[in-house]
Amino acid sequence: MRVRSLPLAAGALAALVPVSFAVTPARADGGGAASFTLTDPRITESSGLAASRAHPGVYWTHNDSDDGPYLYAVDSRTGKTVATVTMKGVGSPRDVEAISMGPGNTLWVGDIGDNRGGTWPYVWIYRLPEPKELRDQTVRATQYTVKYADGPRDAEALMVHPKTGRVYIADKKEEGGSLWAAPKTLSTGGTNVFRRVADTGMWVTDGAFSPDGKWLALRSYFGGASFAWNDGRPKRQGRLSVPMQPQGESLTYAADGSALMYGSEGDGSRVTARQLRARDGGKGPSQDGSATGGDAGSGAGFEGDWKKGALVMAVALAAVFGLKRLFARRR
């Protein structure tokens, strides 16, 4: 999405309170996922994130809105772009907001945003094979036209279940959103109607399934929640430890499920890793979204809900308006 007052206030607060939200150095004790910084100057509005299955340590991202049909493969070890993919056969993307990995190493891209407040009569989803070789290339994508059963809406989160391949969208509504499911089989010849399957109770900016498909993680600017998938009947389980970011709009699981990766829009933006709790006697990573701290667990995160978000907003807006008045007096 384009920059609005809510993320701007978050950025203002982060700038005004540098000690509380200091960047934690990247580290990956025991070989887990680590934080990294996007260094490509072309990536200024990273609005989606997906961990590659074919290329360990690589994450796919894109700019939002009408940047063009481009996807960027970023090496998390260096933060550098190692491949740029141009999607062919999709026309002119309108408001690309999300990316997800599907079964069979497929990439799914959600051109599902609506900066006009939910008035587009339809949106699009694109599917393409993940390239086997990381180099700049053009890849033909399949385009699907999407509508919602009860009318248009804004959305920024598209998730593809790693086992069933079914596509889901979480909409973005201030009063509490919903999760929408695609038909079991998508059609290129007609309109695919998504139907509501659950409440999220959130203003969702991105989401992701765990690699085993048992958990769904959803984030907003100030908080997030984990849901047990429960064979398509999601049950809310707990909060996510969401880091404070200037405009947090992306989320993915690391490919091995050991961490949740949180991204933000902005030049040189940071992707922050949150290591997940061990389960089964410490033999495997928990995928319920409960952070151990790990790479960024020094208290810098916001394990927030909307009450905390409201407090942050109040402080940030007060600071912003205070600065405006101060500058006005100096003119």
C-alpha atoms as a PDB file:
ATOM      1  CA  MET A   1       0.000   0.000   0.000  1.00  0.00           C
ATOM      2  CA  ARG A   2       0.987   3.627  -0.353  1.00  0.00           C
ATOM      3  CA  VAL A   3       2.333   5.288   2.779  1.00  0.00           C
ATOM      4  CA  ARG A   4      -0.458   6.421   5.107  1.00  0.00           C
ATOM      5  CA  SER A   5      -0.654   8.014   8.549  1.00  0.00           C
ATOM      6  CA  LEU A   6      -0.610   4.740  10.503  1.00  0.00           C
ATOM      7  CA  PRO A   7       2.782   3.431   9.340  1.00  0.00           C
ATOM      8  CA  LEU A   8       4.152   6.947   9.257  1.00  0.00           C
ATOM      9  CA  ALA A   9       3.328   7.291  12.911  1.00  0.00           C
ATOM     10  CA  ALA A  10       5.022   3.978  13.627  1.00  0.00           C
ATOM     11  CA  GLY A  11       8.112   5.187  11.813  1.00  0.00           C
ATOM     12  CA  ALA A  12       8.046   8.444  13.720  1.00  0.00           C
ATOM     13  CA  LEU A  13       7.857   6.608  17.014  1.00  0.00           C
ATOM     14  CA  ALA A  14      10.715   4.286  16.072  1.00  0.00           C
ATOM     15  CA  ALA A  15      12.828   7.293  15.155  1.00  0.00           C
ATOM     16  CA  LEU A  16      11.997   9.070  18.384  1.00  0.00           C
ATOM     17  CA  VAL A  17      12.717   6.058  20.586  1.00  0.00           C
ATOM     18  CA  PRO A  18      15.892   4.539  19.120  1.00  0.00           C
ATOM     19  CA  VAL A  19      16.941   2.741  22.308  1.00  0.00           C
ATOM     20  CA  SER A  20      13.731   0.745  22.611  1.00  0.00           C
ATOM     21  CA  PHE A  21      13.753  -0.397  19.000  1.00  0.00           C
ATOM     22  CA  ALA A  22      17.430  -0.800  18.218  1.00  0.00           C
ATOM     23  CA  VAL A  23      18.302  -3.159  15.386  1.00  0.00           C
ATOM     24  CA  THR A  24      19.674  -6.447  16.610  1.00  0.00           C
ATOM     25  CA  PRO A  25      22.695  -7.755  14.679  1.00  0.00           C
ATOM     26  CA  ALA A  26      21.932 -10.702  12.422  1.00  0.00           C
ATOM     27  CA  ARG A  27      22.836 -14.049  13.834  1.00  0.00           C
ATOM     28  CA  ALA A  28      21.764 -17.631  13.289  1.00  0.00           C
ATOM     29  CA  ASP A  29      22.837 -19.739  16.228  1.00  0.00           C
ATOM     30  CA  GLY A  30      22.633 -23.406  15.335  1.00  0.00           C
ATOM     31  CA  GLY A  31      22.104 -22.636  11.647  1.00  0.00           C
ATOM     32  CA  GLY A  32      18.680 -20.997  12.006  1.00  0.00           C
ATOM     33  CA  ALA A  33      17.345 -18.153   9.894  1.00  0.00           C
ATOM     34  CA  ALA A  34      18.916 -14.733  10.442  1.00  0.00           C
ATOM     35  CA  SER A  35      17.855 -11.142   9.942  1.00  0.00           C
ATOM     36  CA  PHE A  36      19.128  -9.256   6.909  1.00  0.00           C
ATOM     37  CA  THR A  37      18.823  -5.904   5.122  1.00  0.00           C
ATOM     38  CA  LEU A  38      17.557  -5.412   1.570  1.00  0.00           C
ATOM     39  CA  THR A  39      20.355  -3.560  -0.216  1.00  0.00           C
ATOM     40  CA  ASP A  40      18.884  -3.268  -3.724  1.00  0.00           C
ATOM     41  CA  PRO A  41      18.003   0.417  -4.326  1.00  0.00           C
ATOM     42  CA  ARG A  42      15.135  -0.696  -6.579  1.00  0.00           C
ATOM     43  CA  ILE A  43      13.357  -2.329  -3.627  1.00  0.00           C
ATOM     44  CA  THR A  44      11.768   0.619  -1.852  1.00  0.00           C
ATOM     45  CA  GLU A  45       8.306  -0.763  -1.018  1.00  0.00           C
ATOM     46  CA  SER A  46       8.862  -4.422  -0.135  1.00  0.00           C
ATOM     47  CA  SER A  47       5.313  -5.568   0.497  1.00  0.00           C
ATOM     48  CA  GLY A  48       5.574  -9.369   0.339  1.00  0.00           C
ATOM     49  CA  LEU A  49       8.051 -12.055   1.314  1.00  0.00           C
ATOM     50  CA  ALA A  50       8.362 -15.762   0.524  1.00  0.00           C
ATOM     51  CA  ALA A  51      11.128 -18.201   1.416  1.00  0.00           C
ATOM     52  CA  SER A  52      12.450 -20.114  -1.576  1.00  0.00           C
ATOM     53  CA  ARG A  53      12.152 -23.889  -1.470  1.00  0.00           C
ATOM     54  CA  ALA A  54      14.625 -24.482  -4.302  1.00  0.00           C
ATOM     55  CA  HIS A  55      17.342 -22.058  -3.210  1.00  0.00           C
ATOM     56  CA  PRO A  56      18.245 -22.214   0.502  1.00  0.00           C
ATOM     57  CA  GLY A  57      18.581 -18.830   2.167  1.00  0.00           C
ATOM     58  CA  VAL A  58      16.893 -16.964  -0.685  1.00  0.00           C
ATOM     59  CA  TYR A  59      13.722 -14.897  -0.226  1.00  0.00           C
ATOM     60  CA  TRP A  60      11.423 -13.562  -2.926  1.00  0.00           C
ATOM     61  CA  THR A  61      10.015 -10.054  -2.609  1.00  0.00           C
ATOM     62  CA  HIS A  62       8.443  -7.303  -4.723  1.00  0.00           C
ATOM     63  CA  ASN A  63       7.471  -3.661  -4.550  1.00  0.00           C
ATOM     64  CA  ASP A  64       3.838  -2.825  -4.033  1.00  0.00           C
ATOM     65  CA  SER A  65       1.363  -0.844  -6.136  1.00  0.00           C
ATOM     66  CA  ASP A  66       2.140  -0.329  -9.831  1.00  0.00           C
ATOM     67  CA  ASP A  67       5.907  -0.901  -9.805  1.00  0.00           C
ATOM     68  CA  GLY A  68       5.660  -3.417 -12.644  1.00  0.00           C
ATOM     69  CA  PRO A  69       5.704  -7.208 -13.120  1.00  0.00           C
ATOM     70  CA  TYR A  70       8.972  -7.719 -11.228  1.00  0.00           C
ATOM     71  CA  LEU A  71      10.020 -10.181  -8.543  1.00  0.00           C
ATOM     72  CA  TYR A  72      13.367 -10.037  -6.739  1.00  0.00           C
ATOM     73  CA  ALA A  73      15.301 -12.989  -5.316  1.00  0.00           C
ATOM     74  CA  VAL A  74      17.379 -11.819  -2.352  1.00  0.00           C
ATOM     75  CA  ASP A  75      20.205 -13.787  -0.724  1.00  0.00           C
ATOM     76  CA  SER A  76      19.676 -13.442   3.030  1.00  0.00           C
ATOM     77  CA  ARG A  77      23.385 -13.962   3.689  1.00  0.00           C
ATOM     78  CA  THR A  78      24.287 -10.727   1.911  1.00  0.00           C
ATOM     79  CA  GLY A  79      21.003  -8.865   1.430  1.00  0.00           C
ATOM     80  CA  LYS A  80      21.832  -8.586  -2.278  1.00  0.00           C
ATOM     81  CA  THR A  81      19.465  -9.315  -5.155  1.00  0.00           C
ATOM     82  CA  VAL A  82      20.670 -12.395  -7.032  1.00  0.00           C
ATOM     83  CA  ALA A  83      17.923 -12.535  -9.667  1.00  0.00           C
ATOM     84  CA  THR A  84      15.183 -10.335 -11.093  1.00  0.00           C
ATOM     85  CA  VAL A  85      12.216 -12.091 -12.657  1.00  0.00           C
ATOM     86  CA  THR A  86       9.909 -10.283 -15.061  1.00  0.00           C
ATOM     87  CA  MET A  87       6.476 -11.881 -15.221  1.00  0.00           C
ATOM     88  CA  LYS A  88       5.125 -12.288 -18.750  1.00  0.00           C
ATOM     89  CA  GLY A  89       1.487 -12.650 -19.707  1.00  0.00           C
ATOM     90  CA  VAL A  90      -0.055 -10.703 -16.817  1.00  0.00           C
ATOM     91  CA  GLY A  91      -0.678  -7.303 -18.369  1.00  0.00           C
ATOM     92  CA  SER A  92       0.056  -4.321 -16.138  1.00  0.00           C
ATOM     93  CA  PRO A  93      -0.088  -5.158 -12.423  1.00  0.00           C
ATOM     94  CA  ARG A  94      -2.220  -2.677 -10.486  1.00  0.00           C
ATOM     95  CA  ASP A  95      -1.417  -3.088  -6.783  1.00  0.00           C
ATOM     96  CA  VAL A  96       0.798  -6.077  -5.999  1.00  0.00           C
ATOM     97  CA  GLU A  97       0.751  -6.722  -2.264  1.00  0.00           C
ATOM     98  CA  ALA A  98       1.686 -10.346  -1.543  1.00  0.00           C
ATOM     99  CA  ILE A  99       3.727 -13.356  -2.583  1.00  0.00           C
ATOM    100  CA  SER A 100       3.568 -16.970  -1.429  1.00  0.00           C
ATOM    101  CA  MET A 101       5.166 -20.312  -2.200  1.00  0.00           C
ATOM    102  CA  GLY A 102       2.866 -23.143  -3.237  1.00  0.00           C
ATOM    103  CA  PRO A 103       3.310 -26.897  -3.744  1.00  0.00           C
ATOM    104  CA  GLY A 104       5.685 -27.980  -6.485  1.00  0.00           C
ATOM    105  CA  ASN A 105       7.935 -24.912  -6.121  1.00  0.00           C
ATOM    106  CA  THR A 106       5.347 -22.524  -7.517  1.00  0.00           C
ATOM    107  CA  LEU A 107       5.276 -18.802  -6.798  1.00  0.00           C
ATOM    108  CA  TRP A 108       1.937 -17.093  -6.287  1.00  0.00           C
ATOM    109  CA  VAL A 109       1.661 -13.315  -6.503  1.00  0.00           C
ATOM    110  CA  GLY A 110      -1.316 -11.340  -5.185  1.00  0.00           C
ATOM    111  CA  ASP A 111      -2.278  -8.261  -7.189  1.00  0.00           C
ATOM    112  CA  ILE A 112      -4.994  -7.791  -4.580  1.00  0.00           C
ATOM    113  CA  GLY A 113      -4.508  -4.334  -3.067  1.00  0.00           C
ATOM    114  CA  ASP A 114      -7.029  -1.557  -3.483  1.00  0.00           C
ATOM    115  CA  ASN A 115      -5.848   1.891  -2.467  1.00  0.00           C
ATOM    116  CA  ARG A 116      -9.271   3.221  -3.452  1.00  0.00           C
ATOM    117  CA  GLY A 117     -10.782   1.662  -0.343  1.00  0.00           C
ATOM    118  CA  GLY A 118     -12.145  -1.557  -1.798  1.00  0.00           C
ATOM    119  CA  THR A 119     -13.845  -0.465  -5.006  1.00  0.00           C
ATOM    120  CA  TRP A 120     -12.104  -2.484  -7.729  1.00  0.00           C
ATOM    121  CA  PRO A 121     -14.696  -4.912  -9.162  1.00  0.00           C
ATOM    122  CA  TYR A 122     -12.023  -7.619  -9.405  1.00  0.00           C
ATOM    123  CA  VAL A 123      -8.365  -8.300  -8.591  1.00  0.00           C
ATOM    124  CA  TRP A 124      -5.775 -10.738  -9.928  1.00  0.00           C
ATOM    125  CA  ILE A 125      -3.561 -13.578  -8.781  1.00  0.00           C
ATOM    126  CA  TYR A 126      -0.536 -14.765 -10.757  1.00  0.00           C
ATOM    127  CA  ARG A 127       1.094 -18.214 -10.643  1.00  0.00           C
ATOM    128  CA  LEU A 128       4.515 -19.068 -12.051  1.00  0.00           C
ATOM    129  CA  PRO A 129       7.179 -21.751 -11.563  1.00  0.00           C
ATOM    130  CA  GLU A 130      10.035 -20.797  -9.290  1.00  0.00           C
ATOM    131  CA  PRO A 131      13.107 -20.562 -11.549  1.00  0.00           C
ATOM    132  CA  LYS A 132      15.561 -23.425 -11.144  1.00  0.00           C
ATOM    133  CA  GLU A 133      18.437 -21.084 -11.906  1.00  0.00           C
ATOM    134  CA  LEU A 134      18.896 -17.723 -10.220  1.00  0.00           C
ATOM    135  CA  ARG A 135      19.529 -15.196 -12.972  1.00  0.00           C
ATOM    136  CA  ASP A 136      17.673 -12.282 -14.525  1.00  0.00           C
ATOM    137  CA  GLN A 137      14.970 -13.761 -16.740  1.00  0.00           C
ATOM    138  CA  THR A 138      11.416 -13.481 -18.036  1.00  0.00           C
ATOM    139  CA  VAL A 139       8.959 -16.149 -16.905  1.00  0.00           C
ATOM    140  CA  ARG A 140       5.441 -16.692 -18.207  1.00  0.00           C
ATOM    141  CA  ALA A 141       2.826 -16.547 -15.477  1.00  0.00           C
ATOM    142  CA  THR A 142      -0.784 -17.704 -15.359  1.00  0.00           C
ATOM    143  CA  GLN A 143      -3.308 -15.021 -14.437  1.00  0.00           C
ATOM    144  CA  TYR A 144      -6.506 -15.623 -12.463  1.00  0.00           C
ATOM    145  CA  THR A 145      -9.316 -13.114 -12.039  1.00  0.00           C
ATOM    146  CA  VAL A 146     -10.710 -12.929  -8.498  1.00  0.00           C
ATOM    147  CA  LYS A 147     -13.867 -11.532  -6.908  1.00  0.00           C
ATOM    148  CA  TYR A 148     -15.234 -11.810  -3.373  1.00  0.00           C
ATOM    149  CA  ALA A 149     -18.633 -13.300  -2.659  1.00  0.00           C
ATOM    150  CA  ASP A 150     -19.964 -10.141  -0.986  1.00  0.00           C
ATOM    151  CA  GLY A 151     -18.209  -7.447  -2.984  1.00  0.00           C
ATOM    152  CA  PRO A 152     -14.852  -5.656  -3.358  1.00  0.00           C
ATOM    153  CA  ARG A 153     -12.408  -5.121  -0.504  1.00  0.00           C
ATOM    154  CA  ASP A 154      -8.812  -4.136   0.146  1.00  0.00           C
ATOM    155  CA  ALA A 155      -6.364  -6.941   0.937  1.00  0.00           C
ATOM    156  CA  GLU A 156      -2.615  -7.382   1.345  1.00  0.00           C
ATOM    157  CA  ALA A 157      -2.199 -11.019   2.414  1.00  0.00           C
ATOM    158  CA  LEU A 158      -2.260 -14.028   0.098  1.00  0.00           C
ATOM    159  CA  MET A 159      -1.380 -17.486   1.421  1.00  0.00           C
ATOM    160  CA  VAL A 160      -1.158 -20.799  -0.446  1.00  0.00           C
ATOM    161  CA  HIS A 161      -1.474 -23.931   1.649  1.00  0.00           C
ATOM    162  CA  PRO A 162       1.734 -25.961   1.186  1.00  0.00           C
ATOM    163  CA  LYS A 163      -0.065 -29.321   1.158  1.00  0.00           C
ATOM    164  CA  THR A 164      -3.415 -28.736  -0.556  1.00  0.00           C
ATOM    165  CA  GLY A 165      -2.405 -25.835  -2.807  1.00  0.00           C
ATOM    166  CA  ARG A 166      -5.590 -23.972  -1.979  1.00  0.00           C
ATOM    167  CA  VAL A 167      -5.319 -20.187  -2.093  1.00  0.00           C
ATOM    168  CA  TYR A 168      -6.479 -17.904   0.726  1.00  0.00           C
ATOM    169  CA  ILE A 169      -6.694 -14.133   1.124  1.00  0.00           C
ATOM    170  CA  ALA A 170      -6.928 -12.200   4.390  1.00  0.00           C
ATOM    171  CA  ASP A 171      -8.576  -8.838   3.883  1.00  0.00           C
ATOM    172  CA  LYS A 172      -7.583  -5.574   5.533  1.00  0.00           C
ATOM    173  CA  LYS A 173     -10.348  -4.001   7.578  1.00  0.00           C
ATOM    174  CA  GLU A 174      -9.931  -1.741  10.600  1.00  0.00           C
ATOM    175  CA  GLU A 175     -13.007  -3.139  12.316  1.00  0.00           C
ATOM    176  CA  GLY A 176     -11.710  -6.707  12.030  1.00  0.00           C
ATOM    177  CA  GLY A 177     -11.126  -8.694   8.888  1.00  0.00           C
ATOM    178  CA  SER A 178     -11.896 -12.093   7.412  1.00  0.00           C
ATOM    179  CA  LEU A 179     -10.177 -15.018   5.751  1.00  0.00           C
ATOM    180  CA  TRP A 180     -11.365 -15.908   2.248  1.00  0.00           C
ATOM    181  CA  ALA A 181     -10.892 -19.195   0.393  1.00  0.00           C
ATOM    182  CA  ALA A 182     -10.552 -19.743  -3.327  1.00  0.00           C
ATOM    183  CA  PRO A 183     -12.420 -22.480  -5.158  1.00  0.00           C
ATOM    184  CA  LYS A 184     -10.557 -25.776  -4.864  1.00  0.00           C
ATOM    185  CA  THR A 185      -9.608 -25.443  -8.523  1.00  0.00           C
ATOM    186  CA  LEU A 186      -8.866 -22.047 -10.050  1.00  0.00           C
ATOM    187  CA  SER A 187     -10.046 -21.231 -13.555  1.00  0.00           C
ATOM    188  CA  THR A 188      -8.298 -19.073 -16.136  1.00  0.00           C
ATOM    189  CA  GLY A 189     -11.452 -18.832 -18.242  1.00  0.00           C
ATOM    190  CA  GLY A 190     -13.757 -17.120 -15.775  1.00  0.00           C
ATOM    191  CA  THR A 191     -13.973 -15.324 -12.463  1.00  0.00           C
ATOM    192  CA  ASN A 192     -12.883 -17.139  -9.305  1.00  0.00           C
ATOM    193  CA  VAL A 193     -15.167 -16.265  -6.407  1.00  0.00           C
ATOM    194  CA  PHE A 194     -13.519 -16.281  -2.965  1.00  0.00           C
ATOM    195  CA  ARG A 195     -15.813 -17.055  -0.035  1.00  0.00           C
ATOM    196  CA  ARG A 196     -15.442 -16.126   3.606  1.00  0.00           C
ATOM    197  CA  VAL A 197     -14.350 -19.035   5.820  1.00  0.00           C
ATOM    198  CA  ALA A 198     -13.297 -17.393   9.118  1.00  0.00           C
ATOM    199  CA  ASP A 199     -12.911 -14.173  11.072  1.00  0.00           C
ATOM    200  CA  THR A 200      -9.400 -12.909  11.730  1.00  0.00           C
ATOM    201  CA  GLY A 201     -10.308  -9.997  14.002  1.00  0.00           C
ATOM    202  CA  MET A 202      -7.315  -8.143  12.551  1.00  0.00           C
ATOM    203  CA  TRP A 203      -6.223  -5.467  10.107  1.00  0.00           C
ATOM    204  CA  VAL A 204      -3.934  -7.858   8.231  1.00  0.00           C
ATOM    205  CA  THR A 205      -0.918  -6.683   6.217  1.00  0.00           C
ATOM    206  CA  ASP A 206       0.484 -10.155   5.442  1.00  0.00           C
ATOM    207  CA  GLY A 207       0.319 -13.808   6.380  1.00  0.00           C
ATOM    208  CA  ALA A 208       1.980 -17.177   5.867  1.00  0.00           C
ATOM    209  CA  PHE A 209       1.427 -20.885   6.355  1.00  0.00           C
ATOM    210  CA  SER A 210       4.019 -22.936   8.206  1.00  0.00           C
ATOM    211  CA  PRO A 211       5.907 -25.354   5.940  1.00  0.00           C
ATOM    212  CA  ASP A 212       3.984 -28.319   7.377  1.00  0.00           C
ATOM    213  CA  GLY A 213       0.671 -26.558   6.806  1.00  0.00           C
ATOM    214  CA  LYS A 214      -0.454 -26.873  10.429  1.00  0.00           C
ATOM    215  CA  TRP A 215      -0.216 -23.193  11.354  1.00  0.00           C
ATOM    216  CA  LEU A 216      -1.264 -19.871   9.878  1.00  0.00           C
ATOM    217  CA  ALA A 217       0.478 -16.663  10.958  1.00  0.00           C
ATOM    218  CA  LEU A 218      -1.088 -13.248  10.319  1.00  0.00           C
ATOM    219  CA  ARG A 219       0.488  -9.872  11.036  1.00  0.00           C
ATOM    220  CA  SER A 220      -0.554  -6.230  11.173  1.00  0.00           C
ATOM    221  CA  TYR A 221       1.516  -3.105  11.780  1.00  0.00           C
ATOM    222  CA  PHE A 222       1.575  -3.459  15.569  1.00  0.00           C
ATOM    223  CA  GLY A 223       0.885  -7.127  16.299  1.00  0.00           C
ATOM    224  CA  GLY A 224      -0.114 -10.489  14.970  1.00  0.00           C
ATOM    225  CA  ALA A 225      -1.646 -13.838  15.780  1.00  0.00           C
ATOM    226  CA  SER A 226      -1.051 -17.529  15.165  1.00  0.00           C
ATOM    227  CA  PHE A 227      -3.860 -19.890  14.224  1.00  0.00           C
ATOM    228  CA  ALA A 228      -3.932 -23.681  14.355  1.00  0.00           C
ATOM    229  CA  TRP A 229      -5.067 -24.551  10.845  1.00  0.00           C
ATOM    230  CA  ASN A 230      -7.291 -27.417  12.026  1.00  0.00           C
ATOM    231  CA  ASP A 231      -8.026 -28.731   8.505  1.00  0.00           C
ATOM    232  CA  GLY A 232      -9.325 -25.396   7.276  1.00  0.00           C
ATOM    233  CA  ARG A 233     -11.158 -24.417  10.455  1.00  0.00           C
ATOM    234  CA  PRO A 234      -8.571 -22.061  11.949  1.00  0.00           C
ATOM    235  CA  LYS A 235      -8.454 -21.557  15.707  1.00  0.00           C
ATOM    236  CA  ARG A 236      -6.620 -18.608  17.196  1.00  0.00           C
ATOM    237  CA  GLN A 237      -3.843 -19.776  19.526  1.00  0.00           C
ATOM    238  CA  GLY A 238      -1.720 -16.809  20.554  1.00  0.00           C
ATOM    239  CA  ARG A 239       0.097 -13.608  19.694  1.00  0.00           C
ATOM    240  CA  LEU A 240       3.091 -13.110  17.454  1.00  0.00           C
ATOM    241  CA  SER A 241       6.186 -11.248  18.597  1.00  0.00           C
ATOM    242  CA  VAL A 242       6.066  -8.614  15.872  1.00  0.00           C
ATOM    243  CA  PRO A 243       9.020  -6.200  15.683  1.00  0.00           C
ATOM    244  CA  MET A 244       8.441  -2.463  15.541  1.00  0.00           C
ATOM    245  CA  GLN A 245       8.982  -1.459  11.890  1.00  0.00           C
ATOM    246  CA  PRO A 246       8.422   1.715   9.860  1.00  0.00           C
ATOM    247  CA  GLN A 247       5.745   0.054   7.678  1.00  0.00           C
ATOM    248  CA  GLY A 248       5.556  -3.667   8.405  1.00  0.00           C
ATOM    249  CA  GLU A 249       3.846  -5.303   5.442  1.00  0.00           C
ATOM    250  CA  SER A 250       5.470  -8.683   4.886  1.00  0.00           C
ATOM    251  CA  LEU A 251       5.737 -12.018   6.658  1.00  0.00           C
ATOM    252  CA  THR A 252       6.939 -15.507   5.841  1.00  0.00           C
ATOM    253  CA  TYR A 253       8.187 -18.609   7.581  1.00  0.00           C
ATOM    254  CA  ALA A 254      11.808 -19.561   7.012  1.00  0.00           C
ATOM    255  CA  ALA A 255      11.944 -22.541   4.678  1.00  0.00           C
ATOM    256  CA  ASP A 256      12.737 -24.933   7.551  1.00  0.00           C
ATOM    257  CA  GLY A 257      10.024 -23.506   9.802  1.00  0.00           C
ATOM    258  CA  SER A 258      12.536 -22.404  12.425  1.00  0.00           C
ATOM    259  CA  ALA A 259      11.629 -18.711  12.340  1.00  0.00           C
ATOM    260  CA  LEU A 260       9.139 -16.126  11.220  1.00  0.00           C
ATOM    261  CA  MET A 261      10.596 -13.403   9.000  1.00  0.00           C
ATOM    262  CA  TYR A 262       9.119  -9.890   9.226  1.00  0.00           C
ATOM    263  CA  GLY A 263       9.716  -7.282   6.526  1.00  0.00           C
ATOM    264  CA  SER A 264       8.922  -3.613   6.026  1.00  0.00           C
ATOM    265  CA  GLU A 265       8.599  -1.087   3.253  1.00  0.00           C
ATOM    266  CA  GLY A 266      11.258   1.606   2.890  1.00  0.00           C
ATOM    267  CA  ASP A 267      14.707   2.120   1.399  1.00  0.00           C
ATOM    268  CA  GLY A 268      17.210  -0.406   2.735  1.00  0.00           C
ATOM    269  CA  SER A 269      14.531  -2.044   4.858  1.00  0.00           C
ATOM    270  CA  ARG A 270      15.280  -4.707   7.439  1.00  0.00           C
ATOM    271  CA  VAL A 271      13.899  -8.256   7.443  1.00  0.00           C
ATOM    272  CA  THR A 272      13.820  -9.367  11.071  1.00  0.00           C
ATOM    273  CA  ALA A 273      13.935 -13.031  12.099  1.00  0.00           C
ATOM    274  CA  ARG A 274      12.008 -14.257  15.118  1.00  0.00           C
ATOM    275  CA  GLN A 275      13.186 -17.711  16.156  1.00  0.00           C
ATOM    276  CA  LEU A 276      10.362 -20.043  17.204  1.00  0.00           C
ATOM    277  CA  ARG A 277      10.006 -22.120  20.334  1.00  0.00           C
ATOM    278  CA  ALA A 278      11.193 -25.706  20.397  1.00  0.00           C
ATOM    279  CA  ARG A 279       8.611 -28.448  20.686  1.00  0.00           C
ATOM    280  CA  ASP A 280       8.616 -32.217  21.133  1.00  0.00           C
ATOM    281  CA  GLY A 281      11.240 -32.064  23.830  1.00  0.00           C
ATOM    282  CA  GLY A 282      13.352 -29.633  21.847  1.00  0.00           C
ATOM    283  CA  LYS A 283      13.609 -31.947  18.832  1.00  0.00           C
ATOM    284  CA  GLY A 284      11.837 -29.704  16.378  1.00  0.00           C
ATOM    285  CA  PRO A 285      10.808 -26.080  15.914  1.00  0.00           C
ATOM    286  CA  SER A 286       7.380 -24.979  17.001  1.00  0.00           C
ATOM    287  CA  GLN A 287       5.477 -23.316  14.195  1.00  0.00           C
ATOM    288  CA  ASP A 288       2.801 -21.628  16.253  1.00  0.00           C
ATOM    289  CA  GLY A 289       4.488 -18.249  15.937  1.00  0.00           C
ATOM    290  CA  SER A 290       5.586 -18.004  19.572  1.00  0.00           C
ATOM    291  CA  ALA A 291       9.042 -16.468  19.520  1.00  0.00           C
ATOM    292  CA  THR A 292      11.906 -17.531  21.758  1.00  0.00           C
ATOM    293  CA  GLY A 293      13.619 -14.201  21.238  1.00  0.00           C
ATOM    294  CA  GLY A 294      16.444 -15.667  19.211  1.00  0.00           C
ATOM    295  CA  ASP A 295      17.761 -13.295  16.602  1.00  0.00           C
ATOM    296  CA  ALA A 296      15.752 -10.327  17.783  1.00  0.00           C
ATOM    297  CA  GLY A 297      14.555 -11.323  21.183  1.00  0.00           C
ATOM    298  CA  SER A 298      16.163  -8.645  23.303  1.00  0.00           C
ATOM    299  CA  GLY A 299      12.832  -7.013  23.999  1.00  0.00           C
ATOM    300  CA  ALA A 300      12.899  -4.988  20.801  1.00  0.00           C
ATOM    301  CA  GLY A 301       9.760  -6.611  19.477  1.00  0.00           C
ATOM    302  CA  PHE A 302       6.151  -5.678  19.952  1.00  0.00           C
ATOM    303  CA  GLU A 303       4.201  -8.718  21.079  1.00  0.00           C
ATOM    304  CA  GLY A 304       1.249  -6.498  20.481  1.00  0.00           C
ATOM    305  CA  ASP A 305      -2.453  -6.406  20.108  1.00  0.00           C
ATOM    306  CA  TRP A 306      -4.608  -3.452  19.204  1.00  0.00           C
ATOM    307  CA  LYS A 307      -4.517  -2.082  22.745  1.00  0.00           C
ATOM    308  CA  LYS A 308      -0.771  -1.744  22.437  1.00  0.00           C
ATOM    309  CA  GLY A 309      -1.209  -0.486  18.906  1.00  0.00           C
ATOM    310  CA  ALA A 310      -3.562   2.215  20.132  1.00  0.00           C
ATOM    311  CA  LEU A 311      -1.043   3.271  22.773  1.00  0.00           C
ATOM    312  CA  VAL A 312       1.709   3.426  20.170  1.00  0.00           C
ATOM    313  CA  MET A 313      -0.498   5.441  17.872  1.00  0.00           C
ATOM    314  CA  ALA A 314      -1.376   7.915  20.623  1.00  0.00           C
ATOM    315  CA  VAL A 315       2.275   8.487  21.494  1.00  0.00           C
ATOM    316  CA  ALA A 316       3.376   8.649  17.857  1.00  0.00           C
ATOM    317  CA  LEU A 317       0.644  11.003  16.736  1.00  0.00           C
ATOM    318  CA  ALA A 318       1.280  13.274  19.711  1.00  0.00           C
ATOM    319  CA  ALA A 319       4.946  13.365  18.745  1.00  0.00           C
ATOM    320  CA  VAL A 320       4.187  14.043  15.076  1.00  0.00           C
ATOM    321  CA  PHE A 321       1.736  16.848  15.811  1.00  0.00           C
ATOM    322  CA  GLY A 322       4.108  18.279  18.409  1.00  0.00           C
ATOM    323  CA  LEU A 323       6.904  18.407  15.837  1.00  0.00           C
ATOM    324  CA  LYS A 324       4.584  20.051  13.310  1.00  0.00           C
ATOM    325  CA  ARG A 325       3.696  22.765  15.793  1.00  0.00           C
ATOM    326  CA  LEU A 326       7.343  23.282  16.683  1.00  0.00           C
ATOM    327  CA  PHE A 327       8.350  23.658  13.029  1.00  0.00           C
ATOM    328  CA  ALA A 328       5.398  25.966  12.390  1.00  0.00           C
ATOM    329  CA  ARG A 329       6.553  28.292  15.162  1.00  0.00           C
ATOM    330  CA  ARG A 330      10.029  28.468  13.659  1.00  0.00           C
ATOM    331  CA  ARG A 331       8.769  29.573  10.272  1.00  0.00           C
END
